[in-house]
């Protein structure tokens, strides 16, 4: 079941879209000191609907989502003129996906293995108007 909270405080508002309930809980816990998590959805269509309804400052979205792929969500929101910043948070570390997400309209791309070190930095950077991409792992390191 999707969870949304329309009440907004003075913190920047973040909507989470991730198919893993446990992942969403971890992200929500990580963000709660600096940001207000206004909702959590678990599929791409719900991400579009909730973003349009809640108008979060930032949508944190996984690439791999049921019903509507994360890249398609980003494209659809861009077509609709949504002003929310979008940060991809995913286990997919393929440089082609990074490039595609940024072309589609994402302002950030964070690898899940770097969530603790990069997610807050990505949110701060994108809210300041910048772009953030987690460093790519080279070789088999």
Protein backbone atom coordinates (compact mmCIF):
# COMPACT_ATOMS: atom_id res chain seq x y z
CA UNK A 1 0.00 0.00 0.00
CA UNK A 2 1.30 3.45 -0.89
CA UNK A 3 1.77 5.91 1.96
CA UNK A 4 1.42 9.66 1.56
CA UNK A 5 1.38 12.52 4.03
CA UNK A 6 0.18 15.83 2.60
CA UNK A 7 1.37 17.86 5.61
CA UNK A 8 4.45 19.86 4.82
CA UNK A 9 6.87 21.47 7.27
CA UNK A 10 9.66 23.98 6.66
CA UNK A 11 12.03 21.28 5.40
CA UNK A 12 12.34 20.47 1.70
CA UNK A 13 9.78 17.83 0.76
CA UNK A 14 10.85 14.49 -0.71
CA UNK A 15 8.73 11.79 -2.34
CA UNK A 16 10.20 8.27 -2.48
CA UNK A 17 9.52 5.76 -5.26
CA UNK A 18 11.11 2.35 -4.75
CA UNK A 19 9.72 -1.14 -5.24
CA UNK A 20 11.38 -2.34 -2.03
CA UNK A 21 9.49 -1.41 1.12
CA UNK A 22 12.63 -1.97 3.20
CA UNK A 23 14.68 0.33 0.96
CA UNK A 24 12.08 3.09 1.26
CA UNK A 25 12.15 2.79 5.05
CA UNK A 26 15.95 3.03 5.12
CA UNK A 27 15.92 6.09 2.84
CA UNK A 28 13.18 7.74 4.87
CA UNK A 29 15.17 7.22 8.07
CA UNK A 30 18.33 8.60 6.47
CA UNK A 31 16.55 11.74 5.26
CA UNK A 32 14.37 12.57 8.27
CA UNK A 33 16.88 14.90 9.97
CA UNK A 34 17.10 17.31 7.01
CA UNK A 35 14.09 16.62 4.81
CA UNK A 36 10.37 15.92 5.09
CA UNK A 37 9.38 12.66 3.41
CA UNK A 38 5.84 13.39 2.18
CA UNK A 39 5.12 10.01 0.66
CA UNK A 40 6.32 6.61 -0.42
CA UNK A 41 5.10 4.81 -3.53
CA UNK A 42 6.06 1.43 -4.91
CA UNK A 43 5.45 1.60 -8.67
CA UNK A 44 6.08 4.00 -11.53
CA UNK A 45 2.48 4.99 -12.21
CA UNK A 46 1.98 5.83 -8.52
CA UNK A 47 5.16 7.93 -8.69
CA UNK A 48 3.69 10.05 -11.48
CA UNK A 49 0.34 10.41 -9.72
CA UNK A 50 1.87 11.26 -6.33
CA UNK A 51 4.36 13.73 -7.82
CA UNK A 52 1.55 15.59 -9.57
CA UNK A 53 -0.60 15.61 -6.42
CA UNK A 54 2.03 16.34 -3.76
CA UNK A 55 4.41 18.54 -5.79
CA UNK A 56 7.50 17.54 -3.78
CA UNK A 57 10.71 19.51 -4.01
CA UNK A 58 12.49 16.26 -4.91
CA UNK A 59 11.41 12.86 -6.21
CA UNK A 60 13.88 10.10 -5.27
CA UNK A 61 13.16 7.24 -7.65
CA UNK A 62 14.54 3.83 -8.54
CA UNK A 63 15.06 2.97 -12.21
CA UNK A 64 13.56 -0.50 -11.81
CA UNK A 65 9.89 -0.09 -10.88
CA UNK A 66 6.82 -2.15 -11.69
CA UNK A 67 4.05 -0.85 -13.98
CA UNK A 68 6.09 2.08 -15.35
CA UNK A 69 9.91 2.07 -15.64
CA UNK A 70 11.74 4.81 -13.72
CA UNK A 71 13.16 6.38 -16.90
CA UNK A 72 9.64 6.56 -18.34
CA UNK A 73 8.45 8.27 -15.15
CA UNK A 74 11.20 10.88 -15.50
CA UNK A 75 10.32 11.48 -19.16
CA UNK A 76 6.60 11.73 -18.41
CA UNK A 77 7.12 14.21 -15.58
CA UNK A 78 9.39 16.32 -17.82
CA UNK A 79 6.74 16.32 -20.56
CA UNK A 80 4.15 17.45 -18.00
CA UNK A 81 6.41 20.33 -16.92
CA UNK A 82 6.80 19.15 -13.34
CA UNK A 83 9.26 21.35 -11.43
CA UNK A 84 10.30 18.75 -8.83
CA UNK A 85 13.95 17.81 -8.94
CA UNK A 86 14.51 14.13 -9.63
CA UNK A 87 17.24 11.96 -8.16
CA UNK A 88 17.64 8.38 -9.29
CA UNK A 89 18.58 6.02 -6.44
CA UNK A 90 19.35 2.62 -7.89
CA UNK A 91 21.56 -0.45 -7.93
CA UNK A 92 21.94 -0.01 -11.71
CA UNK A 93 25.47 1.36 -12.23
CA UNK A 94 25.53 1.25 -16.02
CA UNK A 95 26.92 4.54 -17.43
CA UNK A 96 24.33 4.39 -20.23
CA UNK A 97 21.53 4.50 -17.65
CA UNK A 98 23.21 7.44 -15.91
CA UNK A 99 23.39 9.32 -19.21
CA UNK A 100 19.83 8.40 -20.16
CA UNK A 101 18.45 9.51 -16.79
CA UNK A 102 20.20 12.87 -16.97
CA UNK A 103 19.02 13.40 -20.56
CA UNK A 104 15.47 12.55 -19.49
CA UNK A 105 15.54 15.24 -16.81
CA UNK A 106 17.05 13.79 -13.65
CA UNK A 107 19.28 16.08 -11.60
CA UNK A 108 21.06 13.31 -9.75
CA UNK A 109 22.01 9.65 -9.94
CA UNK A 110 23.01 7.83 -6.75
CA UNK A 111 24.11 4.21 -6.53
CA UNK A 112 22.41 2.29 -3.72
CA UNK A 113 25.76 0.96 -2.53
CA UNK A 114 26.70 4.62 -1.88
CA UNK A 115 23.45 5.67 -0.25
CA UNK A 116 25.02 6.57 3.11
CA UNK A 117 27.75 8.76 1.60
CA UNK A 118 25.98 10.24 -1.43
CA UNK A 119 22.21 10.64 -1.00
CA UNK A 120 22.21 13.67 1.30
CA UNK A 121 24.93 15.28 -0.82
CA UNK A 122 22.85 14.66 -3.95
CA UNK A 123 19.75 16.22 -2.41
CA UNK A 124 21.63 19.30 -1.26
CA UNK A 125 23.38 19.69 -4.63
CA UNK A 126 20.24 19.31 -6.74
CA UNK A 127 18.20 21.64 -4.53
CA UNK A 128 20.96 24.22 -5.01
CA UNK A 129 20.54 23.87 -8.78
CA UNK A 130 23.41 21.49 -9.47
CA UNK A 131 23.75 17.95 -10.75
CA UNK A 132 25.11 15.05 -8.71
CA UNK A 133 26.33 11.65 -9.92
CA UNK A 134 27.87 9.00 -7.67
CA UNK A 135 31.46 8.19 -8.62
CA UNK A 136 31.62 5.23 -10.99
CA UNK A 137 33.55 2.16 -9.82
CA UNK A 138 36.41 1.34 -12.18
CA UNK A 139 37.55 -2.18 -12.88
CA UNK A 140 36.80 -4.96 -10.40
CA UNK A 141 37.43 -2.88 -7.26
